[in-house]
């Protein structure tokens, strides 16, 4: 039974992590604020689950159960913060903002390919095309774009995005490249 519960916590943590990543891409916010909210949620989860952690810790130990509960709480807390901000947009705050392309850059990553027990050589390379966007109020956001858009957009040009304020006041990008 403890293994099933631990597996469920791992699935919840992964779901929270992917949910936080999904909403972070569309929210104009610094990376540190969702991490801070996640840490506060982890401390709350750790404090409220004392007997549950003790019960779960009989199989793997108290440190592993505390770590599992803390990571699950952090991921779910960050996902809830960003998700609530994006889900409950303030009525009447939707507007079109002109955004300046501050920087264009690419990130190249290679995946290792293992041949045999010891020999590893580089596998396929993947190029990610990114834009650093500067909003009128000084906020910046790095966004991944398709290669066709990357080639069409020039440094210093302006793009138009439909933006709305979220529940907690942070901007959420509703639609890309409004004509």
N, C-alpha and C. Protein backbone atom coordinates (compact mmCIF):
# COMPACT_ATOMS: atom_id res chain seq x y z
N UNK A 1 0.82 -1.20 0.00
CA UNK A 1 0.00 0.00 0.00
C UNK A 1 0.86 1.27 0.00
N UNK A 2 1.96 1.22 0.77
CA UNK A 2 2.83 2.41 0.83
C UNK A 2 3.46 2.70 -0.52
N UNK A 3 3.78 1.66 -1.27
CA UNK A 3 4.39 1.87 -2.59
C UNK A 3 3.39 2.51 -3.55
N UNK A 4 2.14 2.14 -3.45
CA UNK A 4 1.11 2.73 -4.31
C UNK A 4 0.93 4.21 -3.96
N UNK A 5 0.90 4.53 -2.68
CA UNK A 5 0.75 5.91 -2.26
C UNK A 5 1.96 6.74 -2.69
N UNK A 6 3.16 6.18 -2.54
CA UNK A 6 4.37 6.89 -2.98
C UNK A 6 4.36 7.09 -4.49
N UNK A 7 3.92 6.09 -5.24
CA UNK A 7 3.80 6.23 -6.69
C UNK A 7 2.80 7.31 -7.06
N UNK A 8 1.70 7.39 -6.32
CA UNK A 8 0.72 8.45 -6.56
C UNK A 8 1.30 9.83 -6.28
N UNK A 9 2.12 9.94 -5.22
CA UNK A 9 2.77 11.23 -4.93
C UNK A 9 3.75 11.62 -6.03
N UNK A 10 4.47 10.64 -6.58
CA UNK A 10 5.39 10.93 -7.67
C UNK A 10 4.62 11.41 -8.90
N UNK A 11 3.50 10.76 -9.20
CA UNK A 11 2.67 11.18 -10.34
C UNK A 11 2.11 12.58 -10.11
N UNK A 12 1.67 12.87 -8.88
CA UNK A 12 1.19 14.23 -8.57
C UNK A 12 2.30 15.26 -8.73
N UNK A 13 3.50 14.92 -8.27
CA UNK A 13 4.63 15.85 -8.39
C UNK A 13 4.96 16.11 -9.85
N UNK A 14 4.99 15.06 -10.67
CA UNK A 14 5.27 15.25 -12.09
C UNK A 14 4.18 16.05 -12.78
N UNK A 15 2.92 15.78 -12.45
CA UNK A 15 1.82 16.56 -13.01
C UNK A 15 1.91 18.03 -12.62
N UNK A 16 2.26 18.29 -11.36
CA UNK A 16 2.45 19.67 -10.92
C UNK A 16 3.61 20.35 -11.62
N UNK A 17 4.70 19.61 -11.82
CA UNK A 17 5.86 20.19 -12.50
C UNK A 17 5.53 20.54 -13.94
N UNK A 18 4.89 19.62 -14.67
CA UNK A 18 4.54 19.91 -16.06
C UNK A 18 3.48 21.01 -16.16
N UNK A 19 2.55 21.06 -15.21
CA UNK A 19 1.57 22.14 -15.19
C UNK A 19 2.22 23.49 -14.94
N UNK A 20 3.19 23.52 -14.02
CA UNK A 20 3.90 24.78 -13.75
C UNK A 20 4.68 25.24 -14.97
N UNK A 21 5.32 24.31 -15.65
CA UNK A 21 6.07 24.67 -16.87
C UNK A 21 5.12 25.19 -17.94
N UNK A 22 3.98 24.55 -18.11
CA UNK A 22 3.01 24.96 -19.12
C UNK A 22 2.53 26.39 -18.88
N UNK A 23 2.18 26.71 -17.63
CA UNK A 23 1.67 28.05 -17.34
C UNK A 23 2.79 29.08 -17.27
N UNK A 24 4.02 28.68 -16.94
CA UNK A 24 5.13 29.62 -16.87
C UNK A 24 5.47 30.18 -18.25
N UNK A 25 5.31 29.36 -19.29
CA UNK A 25 5.63 29.79 -20.65
C UNK A 25 4.75 30.96 -21.06
N UNK A 26 3.52 31.01 -20.61
CA UNK A 26 2.57 32.05 -21.01
C UNK A 26 2.48 33.22 -20.04
N UNK A 27 3.18 33.17 -18.93
CA UNK A 27 3.09 34.22 -17.92
C UNK A 27 4.35 35.06 -17.94
N UNK A 28 4.20 36.37 -17.92
CA UNK A 28 5.33 37.29 -17.87
C UNK A 28 5.67 37.50 -16.40
N UNK A 29 6.62 36.69 -15.91
CA UNK A 29 6.96 36.68 -14.50
C UNK A 29 8.40 36.19 -14.37
N UNK A 30 9.08 36.63 -13.33
CA UNK A 30 10.43 36.14 -13.08
C UNK A 30 10.39 34.69 -12.63
N UNK A 31 11.45 33.96 -12.87
CA UNK A 31 11.47 32.53 -12.53
C UNK A 31 11.46 32.30 -11.02
N UNK A 32 11.93 33.28 -10.26
CA UNK A 32 12.11 33.09 -8.83
C UNK A 32 10.80 33.11 -8.05
N UNK A 33 9.77 33.80 -8.54
CA UNK A 33 8.54 33.91 -7.78
C UNK A 33 7.77 32.58 -7.71
N UNK A 34 7.59 31.83 -8.82
CA UNK A 34 6.95 30.52 -8.68
C UNK A 34 7.78 29.56 -7.82
N UNK A 35 9.11 29.68 -7.89
CA UNK A 35 9.96 28.82 -7.04
C UNK A 35 9.75 29.17 -5.57
N UNK A 36 9.65 30.46 -5.27
CA UNK A 36 9.42 30.89 -3.89
C UNK A 36 8.06 30.41 -3.39
N UNK A 37 7.04 30.54 -4.20
CA UNK A 37 5.71 30.06 -3.82
C UNK A 37 5.73 28.55 -3.63
N UNK A 38 6.46 27.84 -4.48
CA UNK A 38 6.59 26.40 -4.33
C UNK A 38 7.30 26.01 -3.05
N UNK A 39 8.32 26.77 -2.66
CA UNK A 39 9.02 26.48 -1.41
C UNK A 39 8.12 26.71 -0.20
N UNK A 40 7.31 27.76 -0.24
CA UNK A 40 6.36 28.01 0.84
C UNK A 40 5.33 26.88 0.90
N UNK A 41 4.86 26.43 -0.26
CA UNK A 41 3.90 25.32 -0.30
C UNK A 41 4.55 24.03 0.20
N UNK A 42 5.82 23.83 -0.09
CA UNK A 42 6.53 22.64 0.40
C UNK A 42 6.64 22.66 1.91
N UNK A 43 6.94 23.84 2.47
CA UNK A 43 7.00 23.94 3.93
C UNK A 43 5.63 23.68 4.56
N UNK A 44 4.59 24.18 3.92
CA UNK A 44 3.24 23.92 4.42
C UNK A 44 2.87 22.45 4.33
N UNK A 45 3.23 21.81 3.22
CA UNK A 45 2.94 20.38 3.06
C UNK A 45 3.73 19.57 4.07
N UNK A 46 4.97 19.97 4.32
CA UNK A 46 5.79 19.25 5.29
C UNK A 46 5.21 19.39 6.69
N UNK A 47 4.75 20.57 7.03
CA UNK A 47 4.21 20.80 8.37
C UNK A 47 2.88 20.14 8.62
N UNK A 48 2.04 20.00 7.59
CA UNK A 48 0.69 19.47 7.78
C UNK A 48 0.61 17.95 7.62
N UNK A 49 1.67 17.29 7.22
CA UNK A 49 1.58 15.86 6.94
C UNK A 49 2.48 15.03 7.85
N UNK A 50 2.53 15.37 9.13
CA UNK A 50 3.44 14.68 10.05
C UNK A 50 3.16 13.19 10.18
N UNK A 51 1.94 12.79 10.52
CA UNK A 51 1.64 11.37 10.71
C UNK A 51 1.67 10.62 9.37
N UNK A 52 1.29 11.30 8.28
CA UNK A 52 1.35 10.67 6.96
C UNK A 52 2.80 10.39 6.57
N UNK A 53 3.69 11.37 6.83
CA UNK A 53 5.11 11.15 6.53
C UNK A 53 5.68 10.02 7.37
N UNK A 54 5.27 9.96 8.63
CA UNK A 54 5.75 8.88 9.49
C UNK A 54 5.27 7.52 8.99
N UNK A 55 4.01 7.44 8.57
CA UNK A 55 3.47 6.20 8.03
C UNK A 55 4.19 5.81 6.74
N UNK A 56 4.41 6.78 5.88
CA UNK A 56 5.09 6.52 4.62
C UNK A 56 6.57 6.21 4.85
N UNK A 57 7.16 6.79 5.89
CA UNK A 57 8.57 6.60 6.16
C UNK A 57 8.94 5.23 6.70
N UNK A 58 7.96 4.42 7.08
CA UNK A 58 8.26 3.07 7.57
C UNK A 58 8.87 2.19 6.49
N UNK A 59 8.60 2.50 5.24
CA UNK A 59 9.14 1.69 4.14
C UNK A 59 10.52 2.16 3.71
N UNK A 60 10.68 3.46 3.47
CA UNK A 60 11.94 3.98 2.92
C UNK A 60 12.72 4.86 3.87
N UNK A 61 12.15 5.24 4.96
CA UNK A 61 12.83 6.11 5.90
C UNK A 61 12.19 7.49 5.91
N UNK A 62 12.44 8.20 6.99
CA UNK A 62 11.82 9.51 7.17
C UNK A 62 12.36 10.56 6.21
N UNK A 63 13.64 10.47 5.86
CA UNK A 63 14.22 11.47 4.96
C UNK A 63 13.60 11.36 3.56
N UNK A 64 13.47 10.13 3.06
CA UNK A 64 12.89 9.94 1.72
C UNK A 64 11.42 10.37 1.69
N UNK A 65 10.67 10.06 2.73
CA UNK A 65 9.26 10.46 2.73
C UNK A 65 9.12 11.97 2.85
N UNK A 66 9.97 12.61 3.66
CA UNK A 66 9.92 14.07 3.78
C UNK A 66 10.30 14.74 2.47
N UNK A 67 11.30 14.18 1.79
CA UNK A 67 11.71 14.72 0.49
C UNK A 67 10.60 14.56 -0.54
N UNK A 68 9.95 13.41 -0.55
CA UNK A 68 8.87 13.16 -1.50
C UNK A 68 7.70 14.11 -1.26
N UNK A 69 7.31 14.28 -0.01
CA UNK A 69 6.20 15.18 0.31
C UNK A 69 6.58 16.63 -0.01
N UNK A 70 7.82 17.02 0.27
CA UNK A 70 8.26 18.39 0.00
C UNK A 70 8.30 18.71 -1.48
N UNK A 71 8.84 17.78 -2.29
CA UNK A 71 8.91 18.02 -3.74
C UNK A 71 7.52 18.05 -4.34
N UNK A 72 6.65 17.15 -3.90
CA UNK A 72 5.28 17.15 -4.42
C UNK A 72 4.56 18.45 -4.04
N UNK A 73 4.76 18.92 -2.81
CA UNK A 73 4.13 20.17 -2.38
C UNK A 73 4.66 21.36 -3.15
N UNK A 74 5.98 21.39 -3.43
CA UNK A 74 6.56 22.50 -4.17
C UNK A 74 6.04 22.54 -5.60
N UNK A 75 6.01 21.40 -6.27
CA UNK A 75 5.53 21.36 -7.65
C UNK A 75 4.06 21.74 -7.75
N UNK A 76 3.25 21.20 -6.85
CA UNK A 76 1.82 21.51 -6.88
C UNK A 76 1.55 22.96 -6.48
N UNK A 77 2.34 23.51 -5.57
CA UNK A 77 2.16 24.90 -5.16
C UNK A 77 2.48 25.87 -6.29
N UNK A 78 3.58 25.62 -6.99
CA UNK A 78 3.94 26.48 -8.12
C UNK A 78 2.92 26.37 -9.24
N UNK A 79 2.45 25.14 -9.51
CA UNK A 79 1.44 24.95 -10.56
C UNK A 79 0.13 25.63 -10.19
N UNK A 80 -0.26 25.55 -8.93
CA UNK A 80 -1.50 26.19 -8.50
C UNK A 80 -1.39 27.71 -8.61
N UNK A 81 -0.26 28.27 -8.22
CA UNK A 81 -0.07 29.72 -8.29
C UNK A 81 -0.16 30.21 -9.73
N UNK A 82 0.62 29.59 -10.63
CA UNK A 82 0.61 30.02 -12.03
C UNK A 82 -0.71 29.69 -12.72
N UNK A 83 -1.30 28.54 -12.39
CA UNK A 83 -2.56 28.14 -13.00
C UNK A 83 -3.71 29.04 -12.60
N UNK A 84 -3.78 29.40 -11.32
CA UNK A 84 -4.84 30.32 -10.88
C UNK A 84 -4.66 31.70 -11.50
N UNK A 85 -3.42 32.14 -11.63
CA UNK A 85 -3.17 33.44 -12.26
C UNK A 85 -3.64 33.44 -13.71
N UNK A 86 -3.43 32.33 -14.43
CA UNK A 86 -3.81 32.26 -15.83
C UNK A 86 -5.28 31.92 -16.03
N UNK A 87 -5.87 31.19 -15.09
CA UNK A 87 -7.26 30.75 -15.28
C UNK A 87 -8.26 31.86 -14.99
N UNK A 88 -8.00 32.68 -14.00
CA UNK A 88 -8.92 33.73 -13.62
C UNK A 88 -8.36 35.08 -14.04
N UNK A 89 -8.54 35.40 -15.33
CA UNK A 89 -8.08 36.67 -15.85
C UNK A 89 -9.02 37.78 -15.39
N UNK A 90 -8.46 38.94 -15.11
CA UNK A 90 -9.28 40.06 -14.67
C UNK A 90 -10.14 40.56 -15.82
N UNK A 91 -11.44 40.73 -15.59
CA UNK A 91 -12.31 41.20 -16.67
C UNK A 91 -11.97 42.63 -17.06
N UNK A 92 -11.94 42.86 -18.36
CA UNK A 92 -11.68 44.19 -18.88
C UNK A 92 -10.21 44.56 -18.95
N UNK A 93 -9.32 43.63 -18.61
CA UNK A 93 -7.90 43.98 -18.63
C UNK A 93 -7.21 43.51 -19.91
N UNK A 94 -7.94 42.88 -20.80
CA UNK A 94 -7.32 42.39 -22.04
C UNK A 94 -6.98 43.56 -22.95
N UNK A 95 -5.75 43.54 -23.46
CA UNK A 95 -5.28 44.63 -24.31
C UNK A 95 -4.23 44.08 -25.26
N UNK A 96 -3.92 44.87 -26.27
CA UNK A 96 -2.87 44.50 -27.22
C UNK A 96 -1.64 45.34 -26.89
N UNK A 97 -0.52 44.67 -26.63
CA UNK A 97 0.73 45.36 -26.31
C UNK A 97 1.73 45.14 -27.43
N UNK A 98 2.46 46.21 -27.73
CA UNK A 98 3.55 46.10 -28.69
C UNK A 98 4.82 45.77 -27.93
N UNK A 99 5.50 44.74 -28.38
CA UNK A 99 6.66 44.20 -27.70
C UNK A 99 7.87 44.32 -28.62
N UNK A 100 8.98 44.78 -28.09
CA UNK A 100 10.20 44.92 -28.88
C UNK A 100 11.05 43.66 -28.76
N UNK A 101 11.61 43.22 -29.88
CA UNK A 101 12.52 42.08 -29.87
C UNK A 101 13.89 42.60 -29.43
N UNK A 102 14.27 42.28 -28.21
CA UNK A 102 15.52 42.77 -27.65
C UNK A 102 16.71 41.92 -28.09
N UNK A 103 16.48 40.65 -28.34
CA UNK A 103 17.58 39.76 -28.69
C UNK A 103 17.02 38.52 -29.39
N UNK A 104 17.78 38.03 -30.35
CA UNK A 104 17.49 36.76 -31.01
C UNK A 104 18.67 35.84 -30.74
N UNK A 105 18.39 34.60 -30.35
CA UNK A 105 19.48 33.67 -30.13
C UNK A 105 18.98 32.24 -30.30
N UNK A 106 19.93 31.35 -30.47
CA UNK A 106 19.62 29.93 -30.62
C UNK A 106 20.34 29.14 -29.54
N UNK A 107 19.76 28.05 -29.15
CA UNK A 107 20.39 27.12 -28.23
C UNK A 107 20.50 25.77 -28.94
N UNK A 108 21.72 25.26 -29.01
CA UNK A 108 21.97 23.98 -29.67
C UNK A 108 22.29 22.96 -28.59
N UNK A 109 21.58 21.85 -28.60
CA UNK A 109 21.84 20.78 -27.65
C UNK A 109 22.02 19.48 -28.42
N UNK A 110 22.90 18.64 -27.92
CA UNK A 110 23.12 17.33 -28.54
C UNK A 110 22.74 16.26 -27.54
N UNK A 111 22.14 15.22 -28.05
CA UNK A 111 21.77 14.10 -27.20
C UNK A 111 22.85 13.04 -27.31
N UNK A 112 23.32 12.50 -26.19
CA UNK A 112 24.35 11.47 -26.27
C UNK A 112 23.78 10.17 -26.80
N UNK A 113 24.60 9.44 -27.50
CA UNK A 113 24.20 8.15 -28.07
C UNK A 113 25.20 7.11 -27.57
N UNK A 114 24.72 6.16 -26.81
CA UNK A 114 25.59 5.14 -26.23
C UNK A 114 25.77 3.99 -27.20
N UNK A 115 27.03 3.61 -27.39
CA UNK A 115 27.37 2.46 -28.22
C UNK A 115 28.19 1.52 -27.34
N UNK A 116 27.62 0.38 -27.01
CA UNK A 116 28.34 -0.55 -26.14
C UNK A 116 28.27 -0.11 -24.69
N UNK A 117 29.20 -0.65 -23.88
CA UNK A 117 29.18 -0.35 -22.45
C UNK A 117 29.85 0.98 -22.11
N UNK A 118 30.91 1.30 -22.80
CA UNK A 118 31.71 2.45 -22.38
C UNK A 118 31.73 3.60 -23.38
N UNK A 119 31.56 3.36 -24.64
CA UNK A 119 31.75 4.39 -25.66
C UNK A 119 30.46 5.18 -25.85
N UNK A 120 30.56 6.49 -25.73
CA UNK A 120 29.43 7.38 -25.94
C UNK A 120 29.86 8.43 -26.96
N UNK A 121 29.09 8.57 -28.03
CA UNK A 121 29.39 9.64 -28.98
C UNK A 121 28.15 10.50 -29.16
N UNK A 122 28.36 11.67 -29.73
CA UNK A 122 27.25 12.61 -29.84
C UNK A 122 26.23 12.09 -30.84
N UNK A 123 24.98 12.31 -30.48
CA UNK A 123 23.89 11.87 -31.33
C UNK A 123 23.34 13.04 -32.13
N UNK A 124 22.04 13.14 -32.18
CA UNK A 124 21.38 14.18 -32.96
C UNK A 124 21.49 15.53 -32.26
N UNK A 125 21.58 16.57 -33.05
CA UNK A 125 21.59 17.92 -32.50
C UNK A 125 20.21 18.55 -32.69
N UNK A 126 19.81 19.33 -31.71
CA UNK A 126 18.51 20.00 -31.75
C UNK A 126 18.75 21.48 -31.54
N UNK A 127 18.20 22.30 -32.40
CA UNK A 127 18.34 23.75 -32.30
C UNK A 127 17.01 24.35 -31.88
N UNK A 128 17.05 25.14 -30.82
CA UNK A 128 15.88 25.85 -30.33
C UNK A 128 16.06 27.33 -30.62
N UNK A 129 15.08 27.93 -31.26
CA UNK A 129 15.12 29.34 -31.65
C UNK A 129 14.36 30.15 -30.62
N UNK A 130 15.02 31.17 -30.05
CA UNK A 130 14.41 31.93 -28.97
C UNK A 130 14.51 33.43 -29.22
N UNK A 131 13.53 34.14 -28.66
CA UNK A 131 13.49 35.60 -28.71
C UNK A 131 13.40 36.13 -27.29
N UNK A 132 14.15 37.19 -27.00
CA UNK A 132 14.00 37.90 -25.74
C UNK A 132 13.14 39.13 -26.05
N UNK A 133 11.95 39.16 -25.48
CA UNK A 133 10.99 40.22 -25.75
C UNK A 133 10.98 41.22 -24.60
N UNK A 134 10.93 42.50 -24.93
CA UNK A 134 10.89 43.55 -23.92
C UNK A 134 9.55 44.28 -24.04
N UNK A 135 8.78 44.22 -22.96
CA UNK A 135 7.49 44.88 -22.93
C UNK A 135 7.68 46.37 -22.65
N UNK A 136 6.61 47.16 -22.81
CA UNK A 136 6.69 48.61 -22.67
C UNK A 136 7.03 49.02 -21.23
N UNK A 137 6.60 48.23 -20.25
CA UNK A 137 6.87 48.59 -18.86
C UNK A 137 8.21 48.05 -18.36
N UNK A 138 9.02 47.48 -19.25
CA UNK A 138 10.35 47.01 -18.88
C UNK A 138 10.46 45.53 -18.60
N UNK A 139 9.34 44.83 -18.48
CA UNK A 139 9.39 43.38 -18.26
C UNK A 139 9.99 42.69 -19.46
N UNK A 140 10.73 41.62 -19.23
CA UNK A 140 11.31 40.83 -20.31
C UNK A 140 10.84 39.39 -20.20
N UNK A 141 10.71 38.74 -21.36
CA UNK A 141 10.29 37.35 -21.42
C UNK A 141 11.04 36.68 -22.55
N UNK A 142 11.58 35.51 -22.30
CA UNK A 142 12.24 34.71 -23.33
C UNK A 142 11.23 33.68 -23.81
N UNK A 143 11.00 33.66 -25.14
CA UNK A 143 10.02 32.72 -25.69
C UNK A 143 10.65 31.93 -26.83
N UNK A 144 10.29 30.66 -26.93
CA UNK A 144 10.70 29.83 -28.05
C UNK A 144 9.74 30.08 -29.21
N UNK A 145 10.29 30.13 -30.41
CA UNK A 145 9.47 30.36 -31.60
C UNK A 145 9.86 29.36 -32.67
N UNK A 146 8.97 29.09 -33.62
CA UNK A 146 9.33 28.22 -34.74
C UNK A 146 10.39 28.88 -35.63
N UNK A 147 11.07 28.06 -36.40
CA UNK A 147 12.17 28.57 -37.23
C UNK A 147 11.66 29.56 -38.27
N UNK A 148 10.46 29.37 -38.80
CA UNK A 148 9.92 30.30 -39.80
C UNK A 148 9.71 31.68 -39.19
N UNK A 149 9.18 31.74 -37.98
CA UNK A 149 9.00 33.02 -37.31
C UNK A 149 10.35 33.63 -36.96
N UNK A 150 11.30 32.82 -36.53
CA UNK A 150 12.63 33.31 -36.15
C UNK A 150 13.32 33.97 -37.35
N UNK A 151 13.19 33.36 -38.52
CA UNK A 151 13.83 33.92 -39.71
C UNK A 151 13.13 35.19 -40.20
N UNK A 152 11.83 35.31 -39.96
CA UNK A 152 11.07 36.46 -40.42
C UNK A 152 11.24 37.67 -39.51
N UNK A 153 11.44 37.44 -38.22
CA UNK A 153 11.51 38.53 -37.25
C UNK A 153 12.94 39.06 -37.18
N UNK A 154 13.08 40.37 -37.14
CA UNK A 154 14.38 41.02 -37.07
C UNK A 154 14.61 41.60 -35.68
N UNK A 155 15.87 41.79 -35.35
CA UNK A 155 16.25 42.42 -34.08
C UNK A 155 15.74 43.86 -34.06
N UNK A 156 15.10 44.25 -32.98
CA UNK A 156 14.58 45.61 -32.85
C UNK A 156 13.18 45.80 -33.39
N UNK A 157 12.63 44.79 -34.06
CA UNK A 157 11.28 44.95 -34.59
C UNK A 157 10.26 44.82 -33.45
N UNK A 158 9.03 45.23 -33.74
CA UNK A 158 7.97 45.15 -32.73
C UNK A 158 6.96 44.10 -33.13
N UNK A 159 6.52 43.37 -32.14
CA UNK A 159 5.47 42.36 -32.31
C UNK A 159 4.28 42.78 -31.47
N UNK A 160 3.12 42.29 -31.82
CA UNK A 160 1.91 42.61 -31.08
C UNK A 160 1.39 41.34 -30.41
N UNK A 161 1.16 41.42 -29.11
CA UNK A 161 0.64 40.31 -28.34
C UNK A 161 -0.62 40.74 -27.61
N UNK A 162 -1.57 39.84 -27.53
CA UNK A 162 -2.77 40.09 -26.74
C UNK A 162 -2.46 39.62 -25.31
N UNK A 163 -2.53 40.56 -24.37
CA UNK A 163 -2.11 40.31 -22.99
C UNK A 163 -3.27 40.66 -22.06
N UNK A 164 -3.39 39.91 -20.98
CA UNK A 164 -4.39 40.19 -19.96
C UNK A 164 -3.75 40.04 -18.59
N UNK A 165 -4.28 40.74 -17.61
CA UNK A 165 -3.78 40.61 -16.25
C UNK A 165 -4.43 39.41 -15.59
N UNK A 166 -3.62 38.64 -14.87
CA UNK A 166 -4.12 37.45 -14.20
C UNK A 166 -4.70 37.77 -12.83
N UNK A 167 -5.08 36.74 -12.12
CA UNK A 167 -5.71 36.87 -10.81
C UNK A 167 -4.80 37.59 -9.81
N UNK A 168 -3.50 37.32 -9.88
CA UNK A 168 -2.55 37.93 -8.95
C UNK A 168 -1.86 39.16 -9.54
N UNK A 169 -2.29 39.62 -10.71
CA UNK A 169 -1.76 40.83 -11.30
C UNK A 169 -0.62 40.63 -12.27
N UNK A 170 -0.19 39.41 -12.51
CA UNK A 170 0.90 39.16 -13.45
C UNK A 170 0.33 38.96 -14.85
N UNK A 171 1.03 39.48 -15.85
CA UNK A 171 0.54 39.46 -17.22
C UNK A 171 0.57 38.03 -17.79
N UNK A 172 -0.49 37.68 -18.49
CA UNK A 172 -0.62 36.40 -19.17
C UNK A 172 -0.77 36.68 -20.65
N UNK A 173 0.04 36.04 -21.48
CA UNK A 173 -0.05 36.20 -22.93
C UNK A 173 -1.19 35.31 -23.41
N UNK A 174 -2.22 35.97 -23.95
CA UNK A 174 -3.41 35.25 -24.39
C UNK A 174 -3.23 34.76 -25.82
N UNK A 175 -2.65 35.59 -26.70
CA UNK A 175 -2.49 35.21 -28.09
C UNK A 175 -1.21 35.82 -28.63
N UNK A 176 -0.46 35.01 -29.42
CA UNK A 176 0.79 35.46 -30.04
C UNK A 176 0.51 36.18 -31.34
N UNK A 177 1.38 37.13 -31.68
CA UNK A 177 1.42 37.80 -32.96
C UNK A 177 0.04 38.19 -33.49
N UNK A 178 -0.60 39.11 -32.81
CA UNK A 178 -1.90 39.61 -33.26
C UNK A 178 -1.66 40.56 -34.42
N UNK A 179 -2.41 40.42 -35.47
CA UNK A 179 -2.25 41.26 -36.66
C UNK A 179 -2.98 42.56 -36.51
